[in-house]
Amino acid sequence: MNIILLRQNDFCINDNNVSITDHRFDHIQTVLKSKVGDRLKVGIIGGNRGYGTIKKIESDKVVMDVFLNKEPLSRHNFDIVLSLPRPKMLRRILRTIAEFGVHRLHIVNSARVEKSYWQSPLLKNEKIQDALQTGMERSGDTIMTDVMLYKRFRPFVEDILPKLCAHRECYLTDIDSQKSIKNLKSQDAVIIIGPEGGFVPFEIDLTTSVIANKINLGNRILSVDTALTTVLAQALT
C-alpha cells in the first residue's frame, strides 16, 4: 500500500482531521509500524492527494491531520474494451487496470465467454471497487476506474462502441493484423481485447465493419492478462 485512501466518512472533526480504521489501520500499525508524528501519503478517493500527520493512535483507529495539496494522477490514454475473463483472472485484471490509471473499462460478452462467468460474485459493484482500490493503493492513485458491463456483444458494438470512438481511434487486437501496436503513438484510443482463444470471425468482422481497425500485439499468443499489460504499457502516462 503506497497511499492511504480516504473516504468522506473518515473526516471526523473538521475538513483536515480523519479517523482511520479497517484494513488501513492494520496496515499503518503492522506494516508501516508508524508512530505519532509520522507523515504518511494519503489521498481522498475521487480527489486530491497529499500527506497526513499522525496525531493519535488508539486500539482501533489512527487519527491524522491531512493536507491534500496535490492533484490526482493523470489518466491513461487508452480506454479498454475487454471480453469478460475467467473469474479467477478478473480480480487481477481489475487491479492492473487501476494501477495503470485507466479511465474507463468496458467488460463485454462474446462467443467464447462461458455463461457461468456472468454469475461470478466478483462482478458485484462492491467486489469490483475492492479490487480497483487495491490497485489504486499500490499505484498511489485516487481516481477509480469506471467499469461498465455489457452482456450482449452485438448491441454493444453497433450502438455503444461508435459513441466511445467518435473522436478517437479504435483498435481490435488480432494476431493476424499487419499493423503492430508498437507503431501507435501515445494517443487517446479505445483498445478492444478478446477472450482466451480470441474473438470468433463474426465478432471480428462486425467490429471492424462498424468502426475498429485491427492491430497485433506481436506474433505470440498471449493470455488475456498479459495482452492487457502489453497494451497498457504502450502508452504509459
C-alpha atoms as a PDB file:
ATOM      1  CA  MET A   1       0.000   0.000   0.000  1.00  0.00           C
ATOM      2  CA  ASN A   2       1.715   3.172  -1.236  1.00  0.00           C
ATOM      3  CA  ILE A   3      -1.078   5.572  -0.326  1.00  0.00           C
ATOM      4  CA  ILE A   4      -3.728   5.632   2.389  1.00  0.00           C
ATOM      5  CA  LEU A   5      -7.023   6.188   0.594  1.00  0.00           C
ATOM      6  CA  LEU A   6      -9.554   8.286   2.474  1.00  0.00           C
ATOM      7  CA  ARG A   7     -13.336   8.359   2.228  1.00  0.00           C
ATOM      8  CA  GLN A   8     -15.655  11.219   3.097  1.00  0.00           C
ATOM      9  CA  ASN A   9     -16.877   9.461   6.239  1.00  0.00           C
ATOM     10  CA  ASP A  10     -13.301   9.313   7.588  1.00  0.00           C
ATOM     11  CA  PHE A  11     -13.414  13.052   8.319  1.00  0.00           C
ATOM     12  CA  CYS A  12     -14.497  13.305  11.929  1.00  0.00           C
ATOM     13  CA  ILE A  13     -13.880  16.776  13.369  1.00  0.00           C
ATOM     14  CA  ASN A  14     -13.152  19.197  10.533  1.00  0.00           C
ATOM     15  CA  ASP A  15     -12.016  19.238   6.920  1.00  0.00           C
ATOM     16  CA  ASN A  16      -8.456  18.365   7.924  1.00  0.00           C
ATOM     17  CA  ASN A  17      -8.939  15.692  10.583  1.00  0.00           C
ATOM     18  CA  VAL A  18      -9.572  11.995   9.795  1.00  0.00           C
ATOM     19  CA  SER A  19     -10.038   8.807  11.769  1.00  0.00           C
ATOM     20  CA  ILE A  20      -8.685   5.686  10.034  1.00  0.00           C
ATOM     21  CA  THR A  21      -9.974   2.166  10.830  1.00  0.00           C
ATOM     22  CA  ASP A  22     -10.355  -1.209   8.988  1.00  0.00           C
ATOM     23  CA  HIS A  23      -7.517  -2.662   6.880  1.00  0.00           C
ATOM     24  CA  ARG A  24      -5.882   0.746   6.560  1.00  0.00           C
ATOM     25  CA  PHE A  25      -5.447   0.929  10.345  1.00  0.00           C
ATOM     26  CA  ASP A  26      -3.950  -2.587  10.322  1.00  0.00           C
ATOM     27  CA  HIS A  27      -1.529  -1.597   7.563  1.00  0.00           C
ATOM     28  CA  ILE A  28      -0.390   1.537   9.397  1.00  0.00           C
ATOM     29  CA  GLN A  29       0.131  -0.456  12.578  1.00  0.00           C
ATOM     30  CA  THR A  30       1.611  -3.752  11.391  1.00  0.00           C
ATOM     31  CA  VAL A  31       3.297  -2.988   8.072  1.00  0.00           C
ATOM     32  CA  LEU A  32       4.340   0.650   8.283  1.00  0.00           C
ATOM     33  CA  LYS A  33       4.784   0.440  12.065  1.00  0.00           C
ATOM     34  CA  SER A  34       4.028   4.146  12.231  1.00  0.00           C
ATOM     35  CA  LYS A  35       4.038   6.256  15.366  1.00  0.00           C
ATOM     36  CA  VAL A  36       2.650   9.606  16.459  1.00  0.00           C
ATOM     37  CA  GLY A  37       4.218  12.398  14.437  1.00  0.00           C
ATOM     38  CA  ASP A  38       4.916  10.296  11.362  1.00  0.00           C
ATOM     39  CA  ARG A  39       3.826  11.644   7.985  1.00  0.00           C
ATOM     40  CA  LEU A  40       2.084   9.312   5.509  1.00  0.00           C
ATOM     41  CA  LYS A  41       0.988   9.665   1.892  1.00  0.00           C
ATOM     42  CA  VAL A  42      -2.780   9.993   1.695  1.00  0.00           C
ATOM     43  CA  GLY A  43      -5.449  10.864  -0.841  1.00  0.00           C
ATOM     44  CA  ILE A  44      -9.203  11.087  -0.932  1.00  0.00           C
ATOM     45  CA  ILE A  45     -10.999   8.774  -3.337  1.00  0.00           C
ATOM     46  CA  GLY A  46     -12.124  10.853  -6.285  1.00  0.00           C
ATOM     47  CA  GLY A  47      -9.990  13.841  -5.296  1.00  0.00           C
ATOM     48  CA  ASN A  48      -6.596  15.230  -4.338  1.00  0.00           C
ATOM     49  CA  ARG A  49      -3.511  13.601  -2.862  1.00  0.00           C
ATOM     50  CA  GLY A  50      -1.258  14.865  -0.091  1.00  0.00           C
ATOM     51  CA  TYR A  51       0.028  13.814   3.304  1.00  0.00           C
ATOM     52  CA  GLY A  52      -1.308  13.049   6.754  1.00  0.00           C
ATOM     53  CA  THR A  53       0.428  13.568  10.082  1.00  0.00           C
ATOM     54  CA  ILE A  54      -0.452  11.054  12.800  1.00  0.00           C
ATOM     55  CA  LYS A  55      -1.827  12.819  15.884  1.00  0.00           C
ATOM     56  CA  LYS A  56      -3.120   9.870  17.876  1.00  0.00           C
ATOM     57  CA  ILE A  57      -3.015   6.058  17.779  1.00  0.00           C
ATOM     58  CA  GLU A  58      -5.676   4.166  19.707  1.00  0.00           C
ATOM     59  CA  SER A  59      -6.529   0.477  19.922  1.00  0.00           C
ATOM     60  CA  ASP A  60      -8.822   0.547  16.889  1.00  0.00           C
ATOM     61  CA  LYS A  61      -8.000   3.707  14.948  1.00  0.00           C
ATOM     62  CA  VAL A  62      -5.405   6.230  13.857  1.00  0.00           C
ATOM     63  CA  VAL A  63      -6.218   9.948  13.919  1.00  0.00           C
ATOM     64  CA  MET A  64      -4.427  12.166  11.417  1.00  0.00           C
ATOM     65  CA  ASP A  65      -4.383  15.766  10.263  1.00  0.00           C
ATOM     66  CA  VAL A  66      -4.319  15.724   6.466  1.00  0.00           C
ATOM     67  CA  PHE A  67      -3.232  18.237   3.855  1.00  0.00           C
ATOM     68  CA  LEU A  68      -4.454  17.450   0.324  1.00  0.00           C
ATOM     69  CA  ASN A  69      -2.491  19.788  -1.937  1.00  0.00           C
ATOM     70  CA  LYS A  70      -1.679  17.615  -4.977  1.00  0.00           C
ATOM     71  CA  GLU A  71      -3.931  16.971  -7.939  1.00  0.00           C
ATOM     72  CA  PRO A  72      -4.838  13.381  -8.867  1.00  0.00           C
ATOM     73  CA  LEU A  73      -2.529  11.463 -11.162  1.00  0.00           C
ATOM     74  CA  SER A  74      -3.254  11.799 -14.882  1.00  0.00           C
ATOM     75  CA  ARG A  75      -5.332   9.100 -16.558  1.00  0.00           C
ATOM     76  CA  HIS A  76      -4.096   6.562 -19.100  1.00  0.00           C
ATOM     77  CA  ASN A  77      -4.519   7.444 -22.775  1.00  0.00           C
ATOM     78  CA  PHE A  78      -6.335   4.198 -23.580  1.00  0.00           C
ATOM     79  CA  ASP A  79      -9.817   3.150 -22.588  1.00  0.00           C
ATOM     80  CA  ILE A  80     -10.234  -0.633 -22.659  1.00  0.00           C
ATOM     81  CA  VAL A  81     -12.966  -2.888 -24.002  1.00  0.00           C
ATOM     82  CA  LEU A  82     -12.378  -6.347 -22.578  1.00  0.00           C
ATOM     83  CA  SER A  83     -14.198  -9.597 -23.161  1.00  0.00           C
ATOM     84  CA  LEU A  84     -15.182 -10.948 -19.744  1.00  0.00           C
ATOM     85  CA  PRO A  85     -12.250 -13.079 -18.473  1.00  0.00           C
ATOM     86  CA  ARG A  86     -12.337 -16.137 -16.252  1.00  0.00           C
ATOM     87  CA  PRO A  87     -13.364 -15.170 -12.692  1.00  0.00           C
ATOM     88  CA  LYS A  88     -10.034 -16.201 -11.161  1.00  0.00           C
ATOM     89  CA  MET A  89      -8.321 -13.764 -13.556  1.00  0.00           C
ATOM     90  CA  LEU A  90     -10.836 -10.939 -13.185  1.00  0.00           C
ATOM     91  CA  ARG A  91      -9.659  -9.573  -9.843  1.00  0.00           C
ATOM     92  CA  ARG A  92      -6.046  -9.470 -11.034  1.00  0.00           C
ATOM     93  CA  ILE A  93      -7.099  -7.669 -14.212  1.00  0.00           C
ATOM     94  CA  LEU A  94      -9.086  -5.079 -12.262  1.00  0.00           C
ATOM     95  CA  ARG A  95      -6.046  -4.378 -10.098  1.00  0.00           C
ATOM     96  CA  THR A  96      -3.905  -3.927 -13.224  1.00  0.00           C
ATOM     97  CA  ILE A  97      -6.474  -1.608 -14.779  1.00  0.00           C
ATOM     98  CA  ALA A  98      -6.416   0.538 -11.622  1.00  0.00           C
ATOM     99  CA  GLU A  99      -2.618   0.539 -11.375  1.00  0.00           C
ATOM    100  CA  PHE A 100      -2.306   1.897 -14.909  1.00  0.00           C
ATOM    101  CA  GLY A 101      -4.945   4.559 -14.265  1.00  0.00           C
ATOM    102  CA  VAL A 102      -7.398   3.516 -16.973  1.00  0.00           C
ATOM    103  CA  HIS A 103     -10.318   5.934 -17.094  1.00  0.00           C
ATOM    104  CA  ARG A 104     -12.969   3.525 -18.387  1.00  0.00           C
ATOM    105  CA  LEU A 105     -13.181  -0.260 -18.650  1.00  0.00           C
ATOM    106  CA  HIS A 106     -15.986  -1.786 -20.696  1.00  0.00           C
ATOM    107  CA  ILE A 107     -16.461  -5.510 -19.993  1.00  0.00           C
ATOM    108  CA  VAL A 108     -18.397  -7.260 -22.748  1.00  0.00           C
ATOM    109  CA  ASN A 109     -19.764 -10.668 -23.555  1.00  0.00           C
ATOM    110  CA  SER A 110     -18.503 -12.671 -26.545  1.00  0.00           C
ATOM    111  CA  ALA A 111     -18.969 -16.115 -28.068  1.00  0.00           C
ATOM    112  CA  ARG A 112     -16.091 -17.751 -26.172  1.00  0.00           C
ATOM    113  CA  VAL A 113     -17.150 -16.398 -22.767  1.00  0.00           C
ATOM    114  CA  GLU A 114     -18.728 -19.095 -20.582  1.00  0.00           C
ATOM    115  CA  LYS A 115     -22.217 -18.082 -19.477  1.00  0.00           C
ATOM    116  CA  SER A 116     -21.322 -19.048 -15.908  1.00  0.00           C
ATOM    117  CA  TYR A 117     -18.717 -16.258 -15.782  1.00  0.00           C
ATOM    118  CA  TRP A 118     -21.518 -13.695 -15.580  1.00  0.00           C
ATOM    119  CA  GLN A 119     -22.706 -15.272 -12.321  1.00  0.00           C
ATOM    120  CA  SER A 120     -19.415 -14.565 -10.561  1.00  0.00           C
ATOM    121  CA  PRO A 121     -19.779 -12.602  -7.295  1.00  0.00           C
ATOM    122  CA  LEU A 122     -16.682 -10.668  -8.397  1.00  0.00           C
ATOM    123  CA  LEU A 123     -18.949  -8.741 -10.787  1.00  0.00           C
ATOM    124  CA  LYS A 124     -20.862  -7.206  -7.904  1.00  0.00           C
ATOM    125  CA  ASN A 125     -20.162  -3.499  -7.615  1.00  0.00           C
ATOM    126  CA  GLU A 126     -18.591  -3.708  -4.163  1.00  0.00           C
ATOM    127  CA  LYS A 127     -16.230  -6.501  -5.268  1.00  0.00           C
ATOM    128  CA  ILE A 128     -15.183  -4.538  -8.349  1.00  0.00           C
ATOM    129  CA  GLN A 129     -14.484  -1.475  -6.216  1.00  0.00           C
ATOM    130  CA  ASP A 130     -12.469  -3.516  -3.703  1.00  0.00           C
ATOM    131  CA  ALA A 131     -10.231  -4.856  -6.481  1.00  0.00           C
ATOM    132  CA  LEU A 132      -9.810  -1.432  -8.044  1.00  0.00           C
ATOM    133  CA  GLN A 133      -8.951   0.116  -4.694  1.00  0.00           C
ATOM    134  CA  THR A 134      -6.186  -2.438  -4.168  1.00  0.00           C
ATOM    135  CA  GLY A 135      -4.628  -1.328  -7.450  1.00  0.00           C
ATOM    136  CA  MET A 136      -5.058   2.324  -6.542  1.00  0.00           C
ATOM    137  CA  GLU A 137      -3.332   1.775  -3.210  1.00  0.00           C
ATOM    138  CA  ARG A 138      -0.382   0.210  -4.996  1.00  0.00           C
ATOM    139  CA  SER A 139       0.000   2.938  -7.613  1.00  0.00           C
ATOM    140  CA  GLY A 140      -0.780   5.952  -5.426  1.00  0.00           C
ATOM    141  CA  ASP A 141      -3.896   6.840  -7.401  1.00  0.00           C
ATOM    142  CA  THR A 142      -7.096   8.413  -6.078  1.00  0.00           C
ATOM    143  CA  ILE A 143      -9.397   8.206  -9.123  1.00  0.00           C
ATOM    144  CA  MET A 144     -11.338   4.978  -9.518  1.00  0.00           C
ATOM    145  CA  THR A 145     -11.816   3.456 -12.965  1.00  0.00           C
ATOM    146  CA  ASP A 146     -15.368   3.498 -14.311  1.00  0.00           C
ATOM    147  CA  VAL A 147     -16.337  -0.132 -15.012  1.00  0.00           C
ATOM    148  CA  MET A 148     -19.340  -0.919 -17.218  1.00  0.00           C
ATOM    149  CA  LEU A 149     -20.792  -4.350 -18.036  1.00  0.00           C
ATOM    150  CA  TYR A 150     -22.473  -5.390 -21.284  1.00  0.00           C
ATOM    151  CA  LYS A 151     -23.994  -8.855 -21.624  1.00  0.00           C
ATOM    152  CA  ARG A 152     -24.814  -8.581 -25.355  1.00  0.00           C
ATOM    153  CA  PHE A 153     -21.964  -8.218 -27.825  1.00  0.00           C
ATOM    154  CA  ARG A 154     -23.736  -7.064 -30.978  1.00  0.00           C
ATOM    155  CA  PRO A 155     -25.754  -4.203 -29.393  1.00  0.00           C
ATOM    156  CA  PHE A 156     -22.583  -3.012 -27.686  1.00  0.00           C
ATOM    157  CA  VAL A 157     -20.627  -2.934 -30.951  1.00  0.00           C
ATOM    158  CA  GLU A 158     -23.387  -1.377 -33.015  1.00  0.00           C
ATOM    159  CA  ASP A 159     -24.851   1.096 -30.522  1.00  0.00           C
ATOM    160  CA  ILE A 160     -22.240   1.867 -27.854  1.00  0.00           C
ATOM    161  CA  LEU A 161     -18.828   1.469 -29.492  1.00  0.00           C
ATOM    162  CA  PRO A 162     -19.307   4.154 -32.181  1.00  0.00           C
ATOM    163  CA  LYS A 163     -20.045   6.686 -29.446  1.00  0.00           C
ATOM    164  CA  LEU A 164     -16.972   5.642 -27.457  1.00  0.00           C
ATOM    165  CA  CYS A 165     -14.775   6.020 -30.521  1.00  0.00           C
ATOM    166  CA  ALA A 166     -16.418   9.084 -32.037  1.00  0.00           C
ATOM    167  CA  HIS A 167     -13.401  11.362 -31.632  1.00  0.00           C
ATOM    168  CA  ARG A 168     -10.526   8.899 -31.294  1.00  0.00           C
ATOM    169  CA  GLU A 169      -9.009   5.798 -32.803  1.00  0.00           C
ATOM    170  CA  CYS A 170     -10.486   2.359 -32.143  1.00  0.00           C
ATOM    171  CA  TYR A 171      -8.416  -0.829 -32.377  1.00  0.00           C
ATOM    172  CA  LEU A 172      -9.218  -4.521 -32.036  1.00  0.00           C
ATOM    173  CA  THR A 173      -6.310  -6.788 -31.118  1.00  0.00           C
ATOM    174  CA  ASP A 174      -5.839  -9.575 -33.687  1.00  0.00           C
ATOM    175  CA  ILE A 175      -2.700 -11.645 -34.200  1.00  0.00           C
ATOM    176  CA  ASP A 176      -3.334 -11.742 -37.958  1.00  0.00           C
ATOM    177  CA  SER A 177      -3.231  -7.963 -38.338  1.00  0.00           C
ATOM    178  CA  GLN A 178      -0.382  -6.462 -40.349  1.00  0.00           C
ATOM    179  CA  LYS A 179      -0.268  -3.372 -38.142  1.00  0.00           C
ATOM    180  CA  SER A 180       1.606  -3.578 -34.845  1.00  0.00           C
ATOM    181  CA  ILE A 181       0.683  -1.772 -31.664  1.00  0.00           C
ATOM    182  CA  LYS A 182       4.345  -0.754 -31.489  1.00  0.00           C
ATOM    183  CA  ASN A 183       3.627   1.720 -34.275  1.00  0.00           C
ATOM    184  CA  LEU A 184       0.959   3.531 -32.288  1.00  0.00           C
ATOM    185  CA  LYS A 185       1.820   6.878 -30.830  1.00  0.00           C
ATOM    186  CA  SER A 186       0.752   7.688 -27.285  1.00  0.00           C
ATOM    187  CA  GLN A 187      -2.688   8.906 -28.305  1.00  0.00           C
ATOM    188  CA  ASP A 188      -6.221   8.706 -26.986  1.00  0.00           C
ATOM    189  CA  ALA A 189      -7.702   5.436 -28.208  1.00  0.00           C
ATOM    190  CA  VAL A 190     -10.084   2.617 -27.402  1.00  0.00           C
ATOM    191  CA  ILE A 191      -8.421  -0.804 -27.449  1.00  0.00           C
ATOM    192  CA  ILE A 192     -10.542  -3.969 -27.695  1.00  0.00           C
ATOM    193  CA  ILE A 193      -9.135  -7.205 -26.235  1.00  0.00           C
ATOM    194  CA  GLY A 194     -10.787 -10.564 -26.785  1.00  0.00           C
ATOM    195  CA  PRO A 195     -11.206 -13.641 -24.560  1.00  0.00           C
ATOM    196  CA  GLU A 196      -8.937 -16.666 -24.281  1.00  0.00           C
ATOM    197  CA  GLY A 197      -8.963 -18.084 -27.810  1.00  0.00           C
ATOM    198  CA  GLY A 198      -9.780 -14.698 -29.307  1.00  0.00           C
ATOM    199  CA  PHE A 199     -12.904 -13.316 -30.892  1.00  0.00           C
ATOM    200  CA  VAL A 200     -14.727 -15.537 -33.401  1.00  0.00           C
ATOM    201  CA  PRO A 201     -14.690 -14.403 -37.067  1.00  0.00           C
ATOM    202  CA  PHE A 202     -18.211 -12.953 -36.899  1.00  0.00           C
ATOM    203  CA  GLU A 203     -17.241 -10.720 -33.973  1.00  0.00           C
ATOM    204  CA  ILE A 204     -14.091  -9.527 -35.725  1.00  0.00           C
ATOM    205  CA  ASP A 205     -15.967  -8.813 -38.953  1.00  0.00           C
ATOM    206  CA  LEU A 206     -18.769  -6.972 -37.160  1.00  0.00           C
ATOM    207  CA  THR A 207     -16.446  -4.815 -35.076  1.00  0.00           C
ATOM    208  CA  THR A 208     -14.201  -3.860 -37.983  1.00  0.00           C
ATOM    209  CA  SER A 209     -17.174  -3.151 -40.248  1.00  0.00           C
ATOM    210  CA  VAL A 210     -18.654  -0.774 -37.670  1.00  0.00           C
ATOM    211  CA  ILE A 211     -15.576   1.210 -36.610  1.00  0.00           C
ATOM    212  CA  ALA A 212     -12.472  -0.662 -35.386  1.00  0.00           C
ATOM    213  CA  ASN A 213      -9.135  -1.294 -37.087  1.00  0.00           C
ATOM    214  CA  LYS A 214      -7.183  -4.459 -36.371  1.00  0.00           C
ATOM    215  CA  ILE A 215      -3.834  -4.334 -34.629  1.00  0.00           C
ATOM    216  CA  ASN A 216      -1.453  -7.050 -33.420  1.00  0.00           C
ATOM    217  CA  LEU A 217       0.493  -7.403 -30.175  1.00  0.00           C
ATOM    218  CA  GLY A 218       3.243  -9.490 -31.758  1.00  0.00           C
ATOM    219  CA  ASN A 219       3.470 -12.991 -33.190  1.00  0.00           C
ATOM    220  CA  ARG A 220       2.880 -14.847 -29.922  1.00  0.00           C
ATOM    221  CA  ILE A 221      -0.473 -15.892 -28.486  1.00  0.00           C
ATOM    222  CA  LEU A 222      -0.886 -14.125 -25.151  1.00  0.00           C
ATOM    223  CA  SER A 223      -3.124 -14.746 -22.178  1.00  0.00           C
ATOM    224  CA  VAL A 224      -5.713 -12.056 -21.526  1.00  0.00           C
ATOM    225  CA  ASP A 225      -3.875 -10.518 -18.585  1.00  0.00           C
ATOM    226  CA  THR A 226      -0.570 -10.453 -20.490  1.00  0.00           C
ATOM    227  CA  ALA A 227      -2.279  -8.926 -23.527  1.00  0.00           C
ATOM    228  CA  LEU A 228      -3.808  -6.234 -21.325  1.00  0.00           C
ATOM    229  CA  THR A 229      -0.452  -5.312 -19.776  1.00  0.00           C
ATOM    230  CA  THR A 230       1.158  -5.274 -23.230  1.00  0.00           C
ATOM    231  CA  VAL A 231      -1.474  -2.844 -24.486  1.00  0.00           C
ATOM    232  CA  LEU A 232      -1.335  -0.527 -21.484  1.00  0.00           C
ATOM    233  CA  ALA A 233       2.469  -0.426 -21.443  1.00  0.00           C
ATOM    234  CA  GLN A 234       2.446   1.167 -24.909  1.00  0.00           C
ATOM    235  CA  ALA A 235       1.147   4.453 -23.557  1.00  0.00           C
ATOM    236  CA  LEU A 236       2.304   4.980 -20.020  1.00  0.00           C
ATOM    237  CA  THR A 237       1.445   8.368 -18.566  1.00  0.00           C
END
